Amino acid sequence: MSRSRIVALSLMLVPAVCATAAAQEIPPAARTTIEKANADWLAAMKRSDAVATAEPYADDAVFVTSTGESVRGRPAIEKLMRDRFASGGHAIGGSIKQDGITAVGNLIYEWGHASLQLARDGAKPTDFKGRYVTVWAADSAGRWRIIRNLSLP
């Protein structure tokens, strides 16, 4: 089975697994952090701000791109974003929509879909759409951080 099929199946199973697990209430601090990260994402993308884009990630987070590439650690995620900004054009619009969120144990699972419009050198903007699954955990200081992010086209 190809990596993309495994990832796609995993993405489809997350809501089902979360729904059958003993879901808990989302801690208010986590909900505030997640809402802020989602609200700040587009502004950071429009500024081509790799530091701000990577800020919600834990030091050892793993980001899996829509092509299946895995990047480990906030510095590597920041570099990935910087490289994308240099090669992909300037973000001019987009959105992120959370389709679901649940807490199980000490983790929070969030899933949804996003879009991004990129413009490059006066060319017609390119639209990118995809789905995501993000796993959040509190660090040793109690701050909620992304520990895993999976992006699918």
C-alpha atoms as a PDB file:
ATOM      1  CA  MET A   1       0.000   0.000   0.000  1.00  0.00           C
ATOM      2  CA  SER A   2       1.384   3.410  -0.927  1.00  0.00           C
ATOM      3  CA  ARG A   3       2.318   5.992   1.667  1.00  0.00           C
ATOM      4  CA  SER A   4      -0.416   8.356   0.458  1.00  0.00           C
ATOM      5  CA  ARG A   5      -3.060   5.648   0.837  1.00  0.00           C
ATOM      6  CA  ILE A   6      -1.855   4.854   4.374  1.00  0.00           C
ATOM      7  CA  VAL A   7      -1.924   8.534   5.286  1.00  0.00           C
ATOM      8  CA  ALA A   8      -5.388   8.964   3.757  1.00  0.00           C
ATOM      9  CA  LEU A   9      -6.724   5.955   5.666  1.00  0.00           C
ATOM     10  CA  SER A  10      -5.177   7.259   8.868  1.00  0.00           C
ATOM     11  CA  LEU A  11      -6.822  10.627   8.334  1.00  0.00           C
ATOM     12  CA  MET A  12     -10.213   9.003   7.840  1.00  0.00           C
ATOM     13  CA  LEU A  13      -9.814   6.901  10.995  1.00  0.00           C
ATOM     14  CA  VAL A  14      -8.921   9.751  13.366  1.00  0.00           C
ATOM     15  CA  PRO A  15     -12.485  11.092  13.775  1.00  0.00           C
ATOM     16  CA  ALA A  16     -13.840   7.572  14.239  1.00  0.00           C
ATOM     17  CA  VAL A  17     -11.217   6.650  16.831  1.00  0.00           C
ATOM     18  CA  CYS A  18     -11.680   9.940  18.656  1.00  0.00           C
ATOM     19  CA  ALA A  19     -15.460   9.531  18.672  1.00  0.00           C
ATOM     20  CA  THR A  20     -15.233   6.066  20.227  1.00  0.00           C
ATOM     21  CA  ALA A  21     -12.535   6.954  22.770  1.00  0.00           C
ATOM     22  CA  ALA A  22     -13.451   8.457  26.110  1.00  0.00           C
ATOM     23  CA  ALA A  23     -13.530  12.047  24.888  1.00  0.00           C
ATOM     24  CA  GLN A  24     -13.032  14.754  27.480  1.00  0.00           C
ATOM     25  CA  GLU A  25     -13.806  18.437  27.610  1.00  0.00           C
ATOM     26  CA  ILE A  26     -11.253  20.643  25.848  1.00  0.00           C
ATOM     27  CA  PRO A  27      -9.344  22.641  28.488  1.00  0.00           C
ATOM     28  CA  PRO A  28     -10.091  26.371  28.095  1.00  0.00           C
ATOM     29  CA  ALA A  29      -6.373  27.244  27.767  1.00  0.00           C
ATOM     30  CA  ALA A  30      -6.004  24.687  24.970  1.00  0.00           C
ATOM     31  CA  ARG A  31      -9.091  25.947  23.142  1.00  0.00           C
ATOM     32  CA  THR A  32      -7.796  29.540  23.345  1.00  0.00           C
ATOM     33  CA  THR A  33      -4.339  28.514  22.070  1.00  0.00           C
ATOM     34  CA  ILE A  34      -5.755  26.487  19.174  1.00  0.00           C
ATOM     35  CA  GLU A  35      -8.183  29.213  18.137  1.00  0.00           C
ATOM     36  CA  LYS A  36      -5.376  31.800  18.235  1.00  0.00           C
ATOM     37  CA  ALA A  37      -3.007  29.596  16.222  1.00  0.00           C
ATOM     38  CA  ASN A  38      -5.676  29.013  13.579  1.00  0.00           C
ATOM     39  CA  ALA A  39      -6.582  32.725  13.453  1.00  0.00           C
ATOM     40  CA  ASP A  40      -2.905  33.789  13.219  1.00  0.00           C
ATOM     41  CA  TRP A  41      -1.987  31.254  10.502  1.00  0.00           C
ATOM     42  CA  LEU A  42      -3.222  33.195   7.472  1.00  0.00           C
ATOM     43  CA  ALA A  43      -1.739  36.508   8.639  1.00  0.00           C
ATOM     44  CA  ALA A  44       1.643  34.792   9.114  1.00  0.00           C
ATOM     45  CA  MET A  45       1.365  33.196   5.670  1.00  0.00           C
ATOM     46  CA  LYS A  46       0.544  36.570   4.080  1.00  0.00           C
ATOM     47  CA  ARG A  47       3.633  38.096   5.729  1.00  0.00           C
ATOM     48  CA  SER A  48       5.751  35.083   4.650  1.00  0.00           C
ATOM     49  CA  ASP A  49       6.707  34.841   8.325  1.00  0.00           C
ATOM     50  CA  ALA A  50       8.286  31.433   8.854  1.00  0.00           C
ATOM     51  CA  VAL A  51       8.965  32.086  12.553  1.00  0.00           C
ATOM     52  CA  ALA A  52       5.310  32.939  13.285  1.00  0.00           C
ATOM     53  CA  THR A  53       4.086  30.021  11.160  1.00  0.00           C
ATOM     54  CA  ALA A  54       6.240  27.563  13.136  1.00  0.00           C
ATOM     55  CA  GLU A  55       5.645  29.171  16.560  1.00  0.00           C
ATOM     56  CA  PRO A  56       2.776  26.881  17.695  1.00  0.00           C
ATOM     57  CA  TYR A  57       4.892  23.748  17.136  1.00  0.00           C
ATOM     58  CA  ALA A  58       6.727  21.871  19.888  1.00  0.00           C
ATOM     59  CA  ASP A  59      10.503  21.719  19.678  1.00  0.00           C
ATOM     60  CA  ASP A  60      10.293  18.063  18.560  1.00  0.00           C
ATOM     61  CA  ALA A  61       7.076  18.286  16.507  1.00  0.00           C
ATOM     62  CA  VAL A  62       6.618  16.316  13.302  1.00  0.00           C
ATOM     63  CA  PHE A  63       5.031  17.953  10.254  1.00  0.00           C
ATOM     64  CA  VAL A  64       3.965  15.637   7.428  1.00  0.00           C
ATOM     65  CA  THR A  65       3.453  17.541   4.181  1.00  0.00           C
ATOM     66  CA  SER A  66       0.794  16.767   1.588  1.00  0.00           C
ATOM     67  CA  THR A  67       3.501  14.994  -0.452  1.00  0.00           C
ATOM     68  CA  GLY A  68       4.342  12.672   2.463  1.00  0.00           C
ATOM     69  CA  GLU A  69       7.616  14.403   3.405  1.00  0.00           C
ATOM     70  CA  SER A  70       8.202  14.370   7.179  1.00  0.00           C
ATOM     71  CA  VAL A  71       9.970  17.249   8.892  1.00  0.00           C
ATOM     72  CA  ARG A  72      10.983  16.950  12.556  1.00  0.00           C
ATOM     73  CA  GLY A  73      11.504  19.837  14.954  1.00  0.00           C
ATOM     74  CA  ARG A  74      10.424  23.468  15.036  1.00  0.00           C
ATOM     75  CA  PRO A  75      13.674  24.727  13.411  1.00  0.00           C
ATOM     76  CA  ALA A  76      13.181  22.300  10.493  1.00  0.00           C
ATOM     77  CA  ILE A  77       9.510  23.274  10.173  1.00  0.00           C
ATOM     78  CA  GLU A  78      10.528  26.930  10.138  1.00  0.00           C
ATOM     79  CA  LYS A  79      13.077  26.179   7.388  1.00  0.00           C
ATOM     80  CA  LEU A  80      10.433  24.274   5.400  1.00  0.00           C
ATOM     81  CA  MET A  81       8.147  27.296   5.601  1.00  0.00           C
ATOM     82  CA  ARG A  82      10.941  29.680   4.623  1.00  0.00           C
ATOM     83  CA  ASP A  83      11.767  27.496   1.600  1.00  0.00           C
ATOM     84  CA  ARG A  84       8.087  27.333   0.622  1.00  0.00           C
ATOM     85  CA  PHE A  85       7.760  31.110   0.819  1.00  0.00           C
ATOM     86  CA  ALA A  86      10.838  31.526  -1.389  1.00  0.00           C
ATOM     87  CA  SER A  87       9.631  29.105  -4.055  1.00  0.00           C
ATOM     88  CA  GLY A  88       5.845  29.178  -3.865  1.00  0.00           C
ATOM     89  CA  GLY A  89       4.937  32.810  -4.068  1.00  0.00           C
ATOM     90  CA  HIS A  90       3.157  35.226  -1.768  1.00  0.00           C
ATOM     91  CA  ALA A  91      -0.010  34.229   0.089  1.00  0.00           C
ATOM     92  CA  ILE A  92      -2.853  36.587  -0.814  1.00  0.00           C
ATOM     93  CA  GLY A  93      -5.800  34.758   0.737  1.00  0.00           C
ATOM     94  CA  GLY A  94      -7.019  31.599   2.341  1.00  0.00           C
ATOM     95  CA  SER A  95      -8.842  30.107   5.276  1.00  0.00           C
ATOM     96  CA  ILE A  96      -8.650  27.389   7.858  1.00  0.00           C
ATOM     97  CA  LYS A  97     -11.798  25.625   9.043  1.00  0.00           C
ATOM     98  CA  GLN A  98     -11.825  23.272  11.967  1.00  0.00           C
ATOM     99  CA  ASP A  99     -14.234  20.387  11.319  1.00  0.00           C
ATOM    100  CA  GLY A 100     -13.764  18.714  14.686  1.00  0.00           C
ATOM    101  CA  ILE A 101     -11.809  18.653  17.910  1.00  0.00           C
ATOM    102  CA  THR A 102     -11.636  16.199  20.785  1.00  0.00           C
ATOM    103  CA  ALA A 103      -9.502  15.573  23.836  1.00  0.00           C
ATOM    104  CA  VAL A 104      -8.443  12.044  24.677  1.00  0.00           C
ATOM    105  CA  GLY A 105      -6.078  11.534  27.591  1.00  0.00           C
ATOM    106  CA  ASN A 106      -3.501  14.314  27.556  1.00  0.00           C
ATOM    107  CA  LEU A 107      -3.803  14.944  23.803  1.00  0.00           C
ATOM    108  CA  ILE A 108      -6.141  17.050  21.697  1.00  0.00           C
ATOM    109  CA  TYR A 109      -6.964  15.952  18.162  1.00  0.00           C
ATOM    110  CA  GLU A 110      -8.111  18.606  15.713  1.00  0.00           C
ATOM    111  CA  TRP A 111      -9.103  18.074  12.093  1.00  0.00           C
ATOM    112  CA  GLY A 112     -10.412  20.240   9.326  1.00  0.00           C
ATOM    113  CA  HIS A 113      -9.645  21.751   5.955  1.00  0.00           C
ATOM    114  CA  ALA A 114      -7.728  24.753   4.683  1.00  0.00           C
ATOM    115  CA  SER A 115      -7.211  26.740   1.530  1.00  0.00           C
ATOM    116  CA  LEU A 116      -4.453  29.073   0.446  1.00  0.00           C
ATOM    117  CA  GLN A 117      -4.130  31.336  -2.577  1.00  0.00           C
ATOM    118  CA  LEU A 118      -0.597  32.090  -3.728  1.00  0.00           C
ATOM    119  CA  ALA A 119       0.495  34.720  -6.241  1.00  0.00           C
ATOM    120  CA  ARG A 120       3.861  34.747  -7.932  1.00  0.00           C
ATOM    121  CA  ASP A 121       5.354  37.468 -10.139  1.00  0.00           C
ATOM    122  CA  GLY A 122       2.047  38.827 -11.427  1.00  0.00           C
ATOM    123  CA  ALA A 123       0.839  35.393 -12.561  1.00  0.00           C
ATOM    124  CA  LYS A 124      -2.718  34.212 -11.957  1.00  0.00           C
ATOM    125  CA  PRO A 125      -3.055  33.133  -8.298  1.00  0.00           C
ATOM    126  CA  THR A 126      -2.831  29.416  -7.563  1.00  0.00           C
ATOM    127  CA  ASP A 127      -5.349  27.846  -5.184  1.00  0.00           C
ATOM    128  CA  PHE A 128      -4.322  25.075  -2.815  1.00  0.00           C
ATOM    129  CA  LYS A 129      -6.870  23.137  -0.782  1.00  0.00           C
ATOM    130  CA  GLY A 130      -6.394  20.312   1.648  1.00  0.00           C
ATOM    131  CA  ARG A 131      -7.321  18.609   4.854  1.00  0.00           C
ATOM    132  CA  TYR A 132      -5.375  18.423   8.086  1.00  0.00           C
ATOM    133  CA  VAL A 133      -5.097  16.523  11.345  1.00  0.00           C
ATOM    134  CA  THR A 134      -3.248  18.223  14.177  1.00  0.00           C
ATOM    135  CA  VAL A 135      -2.322  16.706  17.528  1.00  0.00           C
ATOM    136  CA  TRP A 136      -1.760  19.092  20.434  1.00  0.00           C
ATOM    137  CA  ALA A 137      -0.127  18.416  23.814  1.00  0.00           C
ATOM    138  CA  ALA A 138       0.814  20.576  26.778  1.00  0.00           C
ATOM    139  CA  ASP A 139       4.561  21.057  27.229  1.00  0.00           C
ATOM    140  CA  SER A 140       6.334  21.005  30.609  1.00  0.00           C
ATOM    141  CA  ALA A 141       5.357  24.660  31.170  1.00  0.00           C
ATOM    142  CA  GLY A 142       1.680  23.900  30.442  1.00  0.00           C
ATOM    143  CA  ARG A 143       1.663  25.627  27.021  1.00  0.00           C
ATOM    144  CA  TRP A 144      -0.305  23.802  24.334  1.00  0.00           C
ATOM    145  CA  ARG A 145       1.875  22.974  21.339  1.00  0.00           C
ATOM    146  CA  ILE A 146       1.441  21.091  18.074  1.00  0.00           C
ATOM    147  CA  ILE A 147       3.279  17.789  18.334  1.00  0.00           C
ATOM    148  CA  ARG A 148       2.062  16.274  15.038  1.00  0.00           C
ATOM    149  CA  ASN A 149       0.551  17.851  11.953  1.00  0.00           C
ATOM    150  CA  LEU A 150      -0.592  15.909   8.938  1.00  0.00           C
ATOM    151  CA  SER A 151      -1.497  17.767   5.758  1.00  0.00           C
ATOM    152  CA  LEU A 152      -3.337  16.165   2.854  1.00  0.00           C
ATOM    153  CA  PRO A 153      -4.243  17.670  -0.526  1.00  0.00           C
END
